[in-house]
Amino acid sequence: MNLCLWGLVITKMGMTRYIRLDLSQGEYMEDIDDFRFRCHELLVELDAANTKMMMMVVSKRVSGPDWDEEVKKHHETYKAWNSFLHPVTVPPDDQH
C-alpha cells in the first residue's frame, strides 16, 4: 500500500507550496522543487546506466563479468528510481 500524499499548503506568508508526505516513514518533501531535484538525480543515473548498456550492446559485449556487472548496476539504478516513485509500506506489526 502506498501511503504517499501530495498536497497544497498555504504558508503563513500566503505562499502556496506543494508537499509530498510519506506517511509510512514520516518523511516529507517541502517543495515540488525538492521532488524534481531528486527525480533529476535518479533519472541522470538511470540514463547513464542505459547508455552504458547500449554501448556494450553496440560493441557486442553482451556476456561475461563486465556485462553481468552492468546488468546488476542497471537493475539497482532502476530499482532506486522505482522505489522513489512507489515507496514500499511496511505494516507497523512487521517492523522489528
PDB file of N, CA and C in Angstrom:
ATOM      1  N   MET A   1       0.846  -1.174   0.000  1.00  0.00           N
ATOM      2  CA  MET A   1       0.000   0.000   0.000  1.00  0.00           C
ATOM      3  C   MET A   1       0.891   1.236   0.000  1.00  0.00           C
ATOM      4  N   ASN A   2       0.575   2.180  -0.858  1.00  0.00           N
ATOM      5  CA  ASN A   2       1.331   3.412  -0.972  1.00  0.00           C
ATOM      6  C   ASN A   2       0.705   4.463  -0.070  1.00  0.00           C
ATOM      7  N   LEU A   3       1.464   4.955   0.880  1.00  0.00           N
ATOM      8  CA  LEU A   3       0.952   5.961   1.790  1.00  0.00           C
ATOM      9  C   LEU A   3       1.553   7.331   1.521  1.00  0.00           C
ATOM     10  N   CYS A   4       1.834   7.630   0.260  1.00  0.00           N
ATOM     11  CA  CYS A   4       2.351   8.943  -0.109  1.00  0.00           C
ATOM     12  C   CYS A   4       1.202   9.828  -0.558  1.00  0.00           C
ATOM     13  N   LEU A   5       1.240  11.050  -0.120  1.00  0.00           N
ATOM     14  CA  LEU A   5       0.222  12.014  -0.494  1.00  0.00           C
ATOM     15  C   LEU A   5       0.885  13.289  -0.989  1.00  0.00           C
ATOM     16  N   TRP A   6       0.291  13.894  -1.986  1.00  0.00           N
ATOM     17  CA  TRP A   6       0.708  15.229  -2.419  1.00  0.00           C
ATOM     18  C   TRP A   6      -0.363  16.194  -1.972  1.00  0.00           C
ATOM     19  N   GLY A   7       0.042  17.357  -1.560  1.00  0.00           N
ATOM     20  CA  GLY A   7      -0.952  18.331  -1.165  1.00  0.00           C
ATOM     21  C   GLY A   7      -0.447  19.747  -1.297  1.00  0.00           C
ATOM     22  N   LEU A   8      -1.376  20.661  -1.303  1.00  0.00           N
ATOM     23  CA  LEU A   8      -1.051  22.082  -1.312  1.00  0.00           C
ATOM     24  C   LEU A   8      -1.127  22.594   0.108  1.00  0.00           C
ATOM     25  N   VAL A   9      -0.173  23.418   0.463  1.00  0.00           N
ATOM     26  CA  VAL A   9      -0.155  24.022   1.782  1.00  0.00           C
ATOM     27  C   VAL A   9      -0.025  25.527   1.596  1.00  0.00           C
ATOM     28  N   ILE A  10      -0.818  26.268   2.313  1.00  0.00           N
ATOM     29  CA  ILE A  10      -0.692  27.721   2.296  1.00  0.00           C
ATOM     30  C   ILE A  10       0.136  28.093   3.524  1.00  0.00           C
ATOM     31  N   THR A  11       1.292  28.696   3.291  1.00  0.00           N
ATOM     32  CA  THR A  11       2.176  29.055   4.401  1.00  0.00           C
ATOM     33  C   THR A  11       1.667  30.319   5.088  1.00  0.00           C
ATOM     34  N   LYS A  12       2.302  30.661   6.215  1.00  0.00           N
ATOM     35  CA  LYS A  12       1.912  31.854   6.965  1.00  0.00           C
ATOM     36  C   LYS A  12       2.019  33.117   6.116  1.00  0.00           C
ATOM     37  N   MET A  13       2.946  33.114   5.178  1.00  0.00           N
ATOM     38  CA  MET A  13       3.155  34.301   4.347  1.00  0.00           C
ATOM     39  C   MET A  13       2.272  34.269   3.102  1.00  0.00           C
ATOM     40  N   GLY A  14       1.339  33.320   3.023  1.00  0.00           N
ATOM     41  CA  GLY A  14       0.404  33.257   1.917  1.00  0.00           C
ATOM     42  C   GLY A  14       0.929  32.573   0.672  1.00  0.00           C
ATOM     43  N   MET A  15       2.099  31.951   0.769  1.00  0.00           N
ATOM     44  CA  MET A  15       2.666  31.260  -0.386  1.00  0.00           C
ATOM     45  C   MET A  15       2.074  29.859  -0.487  1.00  0.00           C
ATOM     46  N   THR A  16       1.819  29.427  -1.705  1.00  0.00           N
ATOM     47  CA  THR A  16       1.331  28.075  -1.946  1.00  0.00           C
ATOM     48  C   THR A  16       2.531  27.182  -2.202  1.00  0.00           C
ATOM     49  N   ARG A  17       2.592  26.073  -1.497  1.00  0.00           N
ATOM     50  CA  ARG A  17       3.695  25.138  -1.668  1.00  0.00           C
ATOM     51  C   ARG A  17       3.121  23.737  -1.804  1.00  0.00           C
ATOM     52  N   TYR A  18       3.828  22.908  -2.566  1.00  0.00           N
ATOM     53  CA  TYR A  18       3.471  21.504  -2.680  1.00  0.00           C
ATOM     54  C   TYR A  18       4.289  20.729  -1.663  1.00  0.00           C
ATOM     55  N   ILE A  19       3.669  19.752  -1.037  1.00  0.00           N
ATOM     56  CA  ILE A  19       4.424  18.862  -0.167  1.00  0.00           C
ATOM     57  C   ILE A  19       4.086  17.423  -0.527  1.00  0.00           C
ATOM     58  N   ARG A  20       5.035  16.551  -0.305  1.00  0.00           N
ATOM     59  CA  ARG A  20       4.839  15.115  -0.512  1.00  0.00           C
ATOM     60  C   ARG A  20       5.027  14.463   0.846  1.00  0.00           C
ATOM     61  N   LEU A  21       3.996  13.852   1.356  1.00  0.00           N
ATOM     62  CA  LEU A  21       4.062  13.173   2.642  1.00  0.00           C
ATOM     63  C   LEU A  21       4.225  11.680   2.423  1.00  0.00           C
ATOM     64  N   ASP A  22       5.226  11.107   3.047  1.00  0.00           N
ATOM     65  CA  ASP A  22       5.384   9.658   3.046  1.00  0.00           C
ATOM     66  C   ASP A  22       5.016   9.204   4.448  1.00  0.00           C
ATOM     67  N   LEU A  23       3.764   8.846   4.620  1.00  0.00           N
ATOM     68  CA  LEU A  23       3.253   8.518   5.944  1.00  0.00           C
ATOM     69  C   LEU A  23       3.849   7.240   6.506  1.00  0.00           C
ATOM     70  N   SER A  24       4.388   6.401   5.634  1.00  0.00           N
ATOM     71  CA  SER A  24       4.947   5.141   6.114  1.00  0.00           C
ATOM     72  C   SER A  24       6.280   5.352   6.813  1.00  0.00           C
ATOM     73  N   GLN A  25       6.996   6.433   6.473  1.00  0.00           N
ATOM     74  CA  GLN A  25       8.311   6.651   7.063  1.00  0.00           C
ATOM     75  C   GLN A  25       8.417   7.998   7.765  1.00  0.00           C
ATOM     76  N   GLY A  26       7.320   8.731   7.825  1.00  0.00           N
ATOM     77  CA  GLY A  26       7.325  10.014   8.499  1.00  0.00           C
ATOM     78  C   GLY A  26       8.155  11.075   7.796  1.00  0.00           C
ATOM     79  N   GLU A  27       8.359  10.952   6.497  1.00  0.00           N
ATOM     80  CA  GLU A  27       9.169  11.906   5.756  1.00  0.00           C
ATOM     81  C   GLU A  27       8.274  12.776   4.886  1.00  0.00           C
ATOM     82  N   TYR A  28       8.761  13.948   4.545  1.00  0.00           N
ATOM     83  CA  TYR A  28       8.040  14.779   3.599  1.00  0.00           C
ATOM     84  C   TYR A  28       9.025  15.621   2.802  1.00  0.00           C
ATOM     85  N   MET A  29       8.603  16.019   1.643  1.00  0.00           N
ATOM     86  CA  MET A  29       9.370  16.945   0.827  1.00  0.00           C
ATOM     87  C   MET A  29       8.593  18.245   0.829  1.00  0.00           C
ATOM     88  N   GLU A  30       9.231  19.314   1.267  1.00  0.00           N
ATOM     89  CA  GLU A  30       8.526  20.567   1.474  1.00  0.00           C
ATOM     90  C   GLU A  30       8.167  21.286   0.189  1.00  0.00           C
ATOM     91  N   ASP A  31       8.743  20.910  -0.904  1.00  0.00           N
ATOM     92  CA  ASP A  31       8.536  21.695  -2.104  1.00  0.00           C
ATOM     93  C   ASP A  31       8.591  20.787  -3.318  1.00  0.00           C
ATOM     94  N   ILE A  32       7.848  21.142  -4.333  1.00  0.00           N
ATOM     95  CA  ILE A  32       7.882  20.383  -5.577  1.00  0.00           C
ATOM     96  C   ILE A  32       9.286  20.403  -6.159  1.00  0.00           C
ATOM     97  N   ASP A  33      10.056  21.463  -5.876  1.00  0.00           N
ATOM     98  CA  ASP A  33      11.427  21.533  -6.383  1.00  0.00           C
ATOM     99  C   ASP A  33      12.311  20.449  -5.771  1.00  0.00           C
ATOM    100  N   ASP A  34      12.075  20.104  -4.502  1.00  0.00           N
ATOM    101  CA  ASP A  34      12.824  19.004  -3.887  1.00  0.00           C
ATOM    102  C   ASP A  34      12.537  17.698  -4.620  1.00  0.00           C
ATOM    103  N   PHE A  35      11.267  17.485  -4.915  1.00  0.00           N
ATOM    104  CA  PHE A  35      10.864  16.289  -5.642  1.00  0.00           C
ATOM    105  C   PHE A  35      11.500  16.272  -7.031  1.00  0.00           C
ATOM    106  N   ARG A  36      11.431  17.392  -7.726  1.00  0.00           N
ATOM    107  CA  ARG A  36      12.007  17.481  -9.072  1.00  0.00           C
ATOM    108  C   ARG A  36      13.518  17.266  -9.043  1.00  0.00           C
ATOM    109  N   PHE A  37      14.198  17.823  -8.048  1.00  0.00           N
ATOM    110  CA  PHE A  37      15.646  17.665  -7.939  1.00  0.00           C
ATOM    111  C   PHE A  37      16.017  16.197  -7.767  1.00  0.00           C
ATOM    112  N   ARG A  38      15.316  15.516  -6.870  1.00  0.00           N
ATOM    113  CA  ARG A  38      15.610  14.091  -6.641  1.00  0.00           C
ATOM    114  C   ARG A  38      15.271  13.274  -7.881  1.00  0.00           C
ATOM    115  N   CYS A  39      14.167  13.591  -8.550  1.00  0.00           N
ATOM    116  CA  CYS A  39      13.832  12.915  -9.810  1.00  0.00           C
ATOM    117  C   CYS A  39      14.960  13.089 -10.812  1.00  0.00           C
ATOM    118  N   HIS A  40      15.454  14.300 -10.935  1.00  0.00           N
ATOM    119  CA  HIS A  40      16.531  14.574 -11.886  1.00  0.00           C
ATOM    120  C   HIS A  40      17.772  13.755 -11.550  1.00  0.00           C
ATOM    121  N   GLU A  41      18.148  13.725 -10.272  1.00  0.00           N
ATOM    122  CA  GLU A  41      19.319  12.928  -9.861  1.00  0.00           C
ATOM    123  C   GLU A  41      19.171  11.465 -10.267  1.00  0.00           C
ATOM    124  N   LEU A  42      18.032  10.899  -9.931  1.00  0.00           N
ATOM    125  CA  LEU A  42      17.816   9.483 -10.213  1.00  0.00           C
ATOM    126  C   LEU A  42      17.721   9.207 -11.708  1.00  0.00           C
ATOM    127  N   LEU A  43      17.104  10.099 -12.455  1.00  0.00           N
ATOM    128  CA  LEU A  43      16.983   9.895 -13.901  1.00  0.00           C
ATOM    129  C   LEU A  43      18.322  10.052 -14.614  1.00  0.00           C
ATOM    130  N   VAL A  44      19.191  10.925 -14.122  1.00  0.00           N
ATOM    131  CA  VAL A  44      20.542  11.037 -14.695  1.00  0.00           C
ATOM    132  C   VAL A  44      21.300   9.733 -14.484  1.00  0.00           C
ATOM    133  N   GLU A  45      21.184   9.160 -13.287  1.00  0.00           N
ATOM    134  CA  GLU A  45      21.838   7.874 -13.015  1.00  0.00           C
ATOM    135  C   GLU A  45      21.273   6.774 -13.908  1.00  0.00           C
ATOM    136  N   LEU A  46      19.959   6.757 -14.081  1.00  0.00           N
ATOM    137  CA  LEU A  46      19.327   5.747 -14.927  1.00  0.00           C
ATOM    138  C   LEU A  46      19.730   5.934 -16.389  1.00  0.00           C
ATOM    139  N   ASP A  47      19.809   7.167 -16.833  1.00  0.00           N
ATOM    140  CA  ASP A  47      20.241   7.449 -18.203  1.00  0.00           C
ATOM    141  C   ASP A  47      21.673   6.963 -18.427  1.00  0.00           C
ATOM    142  N   ALA A  48      22.545   7.190 -17.458  1.00  0.00           N
ATOM    143  CA  ALA A  48      23.933   6.728 -17.577  1.00  0.00           C
ATOM    144  C   ALA A  48      23.994   5.202 -17.644  1.00  0.00           C
ATOM    145  N   ALA A  49      23.181   4.538 -16.833  1.00  0.00           N
ATOM    146  CA  ALA A  49      23.159   3.069 -16.852  1.00  0.00           C
ATOM    147  C   ALA A  49      22.634   2.558 -18.192  1.00  0.00           C
ATOM    148  N   ASN A  50      21.591   3.194 -18.722  1.00  0.00           N
ATOM    149  CA  ASN A  50      21.058   2.811 -20.038  1.00  0.00           C
ATOM    150  C   ASN A  50      22.097   3.016 -21.128  1.00  0.00           C
ATOM    151  N   THR A  51      22.760   4.160 -21.097  1.00  0.00           N
ATOM    152  CA  THR A  51      23.766   4.476 -22.108  1.00  0.00           C
ATOM    153  C   THR A  51      24.905   3.473 -22.073  1.00  0.00           C
ATOM    154  N   LYS A  52      25.361   3.127 -20.886  1.00  0.00           N
ATOM    155  CA  LYS A  52      26.458   2.153 -20.750  1.00  0.00           C
ATOM    156  C   LYS A  52      26.053   0.808 -21.344  1.00  0.00           C
ATOM    157  N   MET A  53      24.842   0.369 -21.045  1.00  0.00           N
ATOM    158  CA  MET A  53      24.392  -0.915 -21.583  1.00  0.00           C
ATOM    159  C   MET A  53      24.227  -0.857 -23.097  1.00  0.00           C
ATOM    160  N   MET A  54      23.721   0.257 -23.622  1.00  0.00           N
ATOM    161  CA  MET A  54      23.587   0.388 -25.080  1.00  0.00           C
ATOM    162  C   MET A  54      24.959   0.341 -25.749  1.00  0.00           C
ATOM    163  N   MET A  55      25.942   0.990 -25.128  1.00  0.00           N
ATOM    164  CA  MET A  55      27.300   0.960 -25.686  1.00  0.00           C
ATOM    165  C   MET A  55      27.853  -0.464 -25.698  1.00  0.00           C
ATOM    166  N   MET A  56      27.564  -1.216 -24.654  1.00  0.00           N
ATOM    167  CA  MET A  56      28.037  -2.594 -24.589  1.00  0.00           C
ATOM    168  C   MET A  56      27.353  -3.451 -25.654  1.00  0.00           C
ATOM    169  N   VAL A  57      26.070  -3.232 -25.881  1.00  0.00           N
ATOM    170  CA  VAL A  57      25.348  -3.985 -26.915  1.00  0.00           C
ATOM    171  C   VAL A  57      25.933  -3.673 -28.287  1.00  0.00           C
ATOM    172  N   VAL A  58      26.143  -2.394 -28.571  1.00  0.00           N
ATOM    173  CA  VAL A  58      26.690  -1.991 -29.869  1.00  0.00           C
ATOM    174  C   VAL A  58      28.078  -2.585 -30.088  1.00  0.00           C
ATOM    175  N   SER A  59      28.866  -2.658 -29.021  1.00  0.00           N
ATOM    176  CA  SER A  59      30.223  -3.195 -29.151  1.00  0.00           C
ATOM    177  C   SER A  59      30.270  -4.721 -28.979  1.00  0.00           C
ATOM    178  N   LYS A  60      29.096  -5.344 -28.976  1.00  0.00           N
ATOM    179  CA  LYS A  60      28.963  -6.812 -28.923  1.00  0.00           C
ATOM    180  C   LYS A  60      29.554  -7.434 -27.653  1.00  0.00           C
ATOM    181  N   ARG A  61      29.468  -6.700 -26.552  1.00  0.00           N
ATOM    182  CA  ARG A  61      29.939  -7.216 -25.262  1.00  0.00           C
ATOM    183  C   ARG A  61      28.724  -7.513 -24.381  1.00  0.00           C
ATOM    184  N   VAL A  62      28.000  -8.556 -24.739  1.00  0.00           N
ATOM    185  CA  VAL A  62      26.746  -8.864 -24.043  1.00  0.00           C
ATOM    186  C   VAL A  62      26.824 -10.145 -23.218  1.00  0.00           C
ATOM    187  N   SER A  63      28.010 -10.476 -22.802  1.00  0.00           N
ATOM    188  CA  SER A  63      28.183 -11.622 -21.905  1.00  0.00           C
ATOM    189  C   SER A  63      29.482 -11.419 -21.134  1.00  0.00           C
ATOM    190  N   GLY A  64      29.635 -12.216 -20.106  1.00  0.00           N
ATOM    191  CA  GLY A  64      30.848 -12.142 -19.303  1.00  0.00           C
ATOM    192  C   GLY A  64      30.673 -11.287 -18.057  1.00  0.00           C
ATOM    193  N   PRO A  65      31.739 -11.184 -17.262  1.00  0.00           N
ATOM    194  CA  PRO A  65      31.648 -10.483 -15.975  1.00  0.00           C
ATOM    195  C   PRO A  65      31.339  -8.986 -16.103  1.00  0.00           C
ATOM    196  N   ASP A  66      31.874  -8.316 -17.141  1.00  0.00           N
ATOM    197  CA  ASP A  66      31.573  -6.887 -17.315  1.00  0.00           C
ATOM    198  C   ASP A  66      30.091  -6.676 -17.602  1.00  0.00           C
ATOM    199  N   TRP A  67      29.541  -7.514 -18.462  1.00  0.00           N
ATOM    200  CA  TRP A  67      28.113  -7.434 -18.784  1.00  0.00           C
ATOM    201  C   TRP A  67      27.268  -7.703 -17.538  1.00  0.00           C
ATOM    202  N   ASP A  68      27.631  -8.754 -16.813  1.00  0.00           N
ATOM    203  CA  ASP A  68      26.884  -9.101 -15.600  1.00  0.00           C
ATOM    204  C   ASP A  68      26.897  -7.949 -14.598  1.00  0.00           C
ATOM    205  N   GLU A  69      28.048  -7.292 -14.460  1.00  0.00           N
ATOM    206  CA  GLU A  69      28.166  -6.164 -13.534  1.00  0.00           C
ATOM    207  C   GLU A  69      27.281  -4.992 -13.974  1.00  0.00           C
ATOM    208  N   GLU A  70      27.270  -4.702 -15.264  1.00  0.00           N
ATOM    209  CA  GLU A  70      26.437  -3.601 -15.769  1.00  0.00           C
ATOM    210  C   GLU A  70      24.951  -3.912 -15.653  1.00  0.00           C
ATOM    211  N   VAL A  71      24.581  -5.164 -15.870  1.00  0.00           N
ATOM    212  CA  VAL A  71      23.173  -5.558 -15.696  1.00  0.00           C
ATOM    213  C   VAL A  71      22.762  -5.340 -14.244  1.00  0.00           C
ATOM    214  N   LYS A  72      23.638  -5.707 -13.329  1.00  0.00           N
ATOM    215  CA  LYS A  72      23.360  -5.524 -11.899  1.00  0.00           C
ATOM    216  C   LYS A  72      23.234  -4.029 -11.558  1.00  0.00           C
ATOM    217  N   LYS A  73      24.161  -3.210 -12.072  1.00  0.00           N
ATOM    218  CA  LYS A  73      24.102  -1.766 -11.813  1.00  0.00           C
ATOM    219  C   LYS A  73      22.821  -1.158 -12.381  1.00  0.00           C
ATOM    220  N   HIS A  74      22.466  -1.575 -13.592  1.00  0.00           N
ATOM    221  CA  HIS A  74      21.246  -1.057 -14.216  1.00  0.00           C
ATOM    222  C   HIS A  74      20.024  -1.428 -13.381  1.00  0.00           C
ATOM    223  N   HIS A  75      19.986  -2.663 -12.929  1.00  0.00           N
ATOM    224  CA  HIS A  75      18.861  -3.124 -12.112  1.00  0.00           C
ATOM    225  C   HIS A  75      18.750  -2.297 -10.827  1.00  0.00           C
ATOM    226  N   GLU A  76      19.875  -2.069 -10.159  1.00  0.00           N
ATOM    227  CA  GLU A  76      19.861  -1.311  -8.907  1.00  0.00           C
ATOM    228  C   GLU A  76      19.450   0.145  -9.141  1.00  0.00           C
ATOM    229  N   THR A  77      19.908   0.713 -10.243  1.00  0.00           N
ATOM    230  CA  THR A  77      19.553   2.097 -10.570  1.00  0.00           C
ATOM    231  C   THR A  77      18.059   2.214 -10.846  1.00  0.00           C
ATOM    232  N   TYR A  78      17.524   1.275 -11.616  1.00  0.00           N
ATOM    233  CA  TYR A  78      16.089   1.292 -11.904  1.00  0.00           C
ATOM    234  C   TYR A  78      15.285   1.068 -10.615  1.00  0.00           C
ATOM    235  N   LYS A  79      15.773   0.179  -9.780  1.00  0.00           N
ATOM    236  CA  LYS A  79      15.090  -0.110  -8.518  1.00  0.00           C
ATOM    237  C   LYS A  79      15.034   1.142  -7.629  1.00  0.00           C
ATOM    238  N   ALA A  80      16.121   1.915  -7.610  1.00  0.00           N
ATOM    239  CA  ALA A  80      16.144   3.157  -6.823  1.00  0.00           C
ATOM    240  C   ALA A  80      15.110   4.149  -7.347  1.00  0.00           C
ATOM    241  N   TRP A  81      15.014   4.270  -8.669  1.00  0.00           N
ATOM    242  CA  TRP A  81      14.039   5.170  -9.285  1.00  0.00           C
ATOM    243  C   TRP A  81      12.615   4.719  -8.959  1.00  0.00           C
ATOM    244  N   ASN A  82      12.348   3.449  -9.137  1.00  0.00           N
ATOM    245  CA  ASN A  82      11.018   2.911  -8.890  1.00  0.00           C
ATOM    246  C   ASN A  82      10.648   3.013  -7.408  1.00  0.00           C
ATOM    247  N   SER A  83      11.607   2.761  -6.528  1.00  0.00           N
ATOM    248  CA  SER A  83      11.342   2.853  -5.087  1.00  0.00           C
ATOM    249  C   SER A  83      11.020   4.282  -4.669  1.00  0.00           C
ATOM    250  N   PHE A  84      11.664   5.241  -5.323  1.00  0.00           N
ATOM    251  CA  PHE A  84      11.382   6.640  -5.019  1.00  0.00           C
ATOM    252  C   PHE A  84       9.950   6.998  -5.410  1.00  0.00           C
ATOM    253  N   LEU A  85       9.531   6.528  -6.569  1.00  0.00           N
ATOM    254  CA  LEU A  85       8.179   6.834  -7.039  1.00  0.00           C
ATOM    255  C   LEU A  85       7.101   6.043  -6.317  1.00  0.00           C
ATOM    256  N   HIS A  86       7.433   4.839  -5.894  1.00  0.00           N
ATOM    257  CA  HIS A  86       6.459   3.943  -5.264  1.00  0.00           C
ATOM    258  C   HIS A  86       7.057   3.364  -3.984  1.00  0.00           C
ATOM    259  N   PRO A  87       7.127   4.152  -2.915  1.00  0.00           N
ATOM    260  CA  PRO A  87       7.717   3.644  -1.671  1.00  0.00           C
ATOM    261  C   PRO A  87       6.946   2.439  -1.138  1.00  0.00           C
ATOM    262  N   VAL A  88       7.674   1.508  -0.591  1.00  0.00           N
ATOM    263  CA  VAL A  88       7.068   0.306  -0.007  1.00  0.00           C
ATOM    264  C   VAL A  88       6.654   0.635   1.418  1.00  0.00           C
ATOM    265  N   THR A  89       5.471   0.235   1.756  1.00  0.00           N
ATOM    266  CA  THR A  89       4.958   0.465   3.096  1.00  0.00           C
ATOM    267  C   THR A  89       5.012  -0.836   3.882  1.00  0.00           C
ATOM    268  N   VAL A  90       5.642  -0.767   5.050  1.00  0.00           N
ATOM    269  CA  VAL A  90       5.717  -1.935   5.923  1.00  0.00           C
ATOM    270  C   VAL A  90       4.700  -1.735   7.040  1.00  0.00           C
ATOM    271  N   PRO A  91       3.782  -2.691   7.213  1.00  0.00           N
ATOM    272  CA  PRO A  91       2.815  -2.566   8.303  1.00  0.00           C
ATOM    273  C   PRO A  91       3.533  -2.463   9.650  1.00  0.00           C
ATOM    274  N   PRO A  92       3.003  -1.680  10.600  1.00  0.00           N
ATOM    275  CA  PRO A  92       3.665  -1.489  11.894  1.00  0.00           C
ATOM    276  C   PRO A  92       4.009  -2.786  12.608  1.00  0.00           C
ATOM    277  N   ASP A  93       3.198  -3.833  12.469  1.00  0.00           N
ATOM    278  CA  ASP A  93       3.462  -5.096  13.158  1.00  0.00           C
ATOM    279  C   ASP A  93       4.693  -5.805  12.611  1.00  0.00           C
ATOM    280  N   ASP A  94       5.076  -5.519  11.356  1.00  0.00           N
ATOM    281  CA  ASP A  94       6.207  -6.199  10.726  1.00  0.00           C
ATOM    282  C   ASP A  94       7.531  -5.486  10.949  1.00  0.00           C
ATOM    283  N   GLN A  95       7.541  -4.334  11.584  1.00  0.00           N
ATOM    284  CA  GLN A  95       8.776  -3.589  11.819  1.00  0.00           C
ATOM    285  C   GLN A  95       9.411  -4.066  13.113  1.00  0.00           C
ATOM    286  N   HIS A  96      10.622  -4.602  13.002  1.00  0.00           N
ATOM    287  CA  HIS A  96      11.331  -5.080  14.203  1.00  0.00           C
ATOM    288  C   HIS A  96      12.671  -4.425  14.309  1.00  0.00           C
TER     289      HIS A  96
END
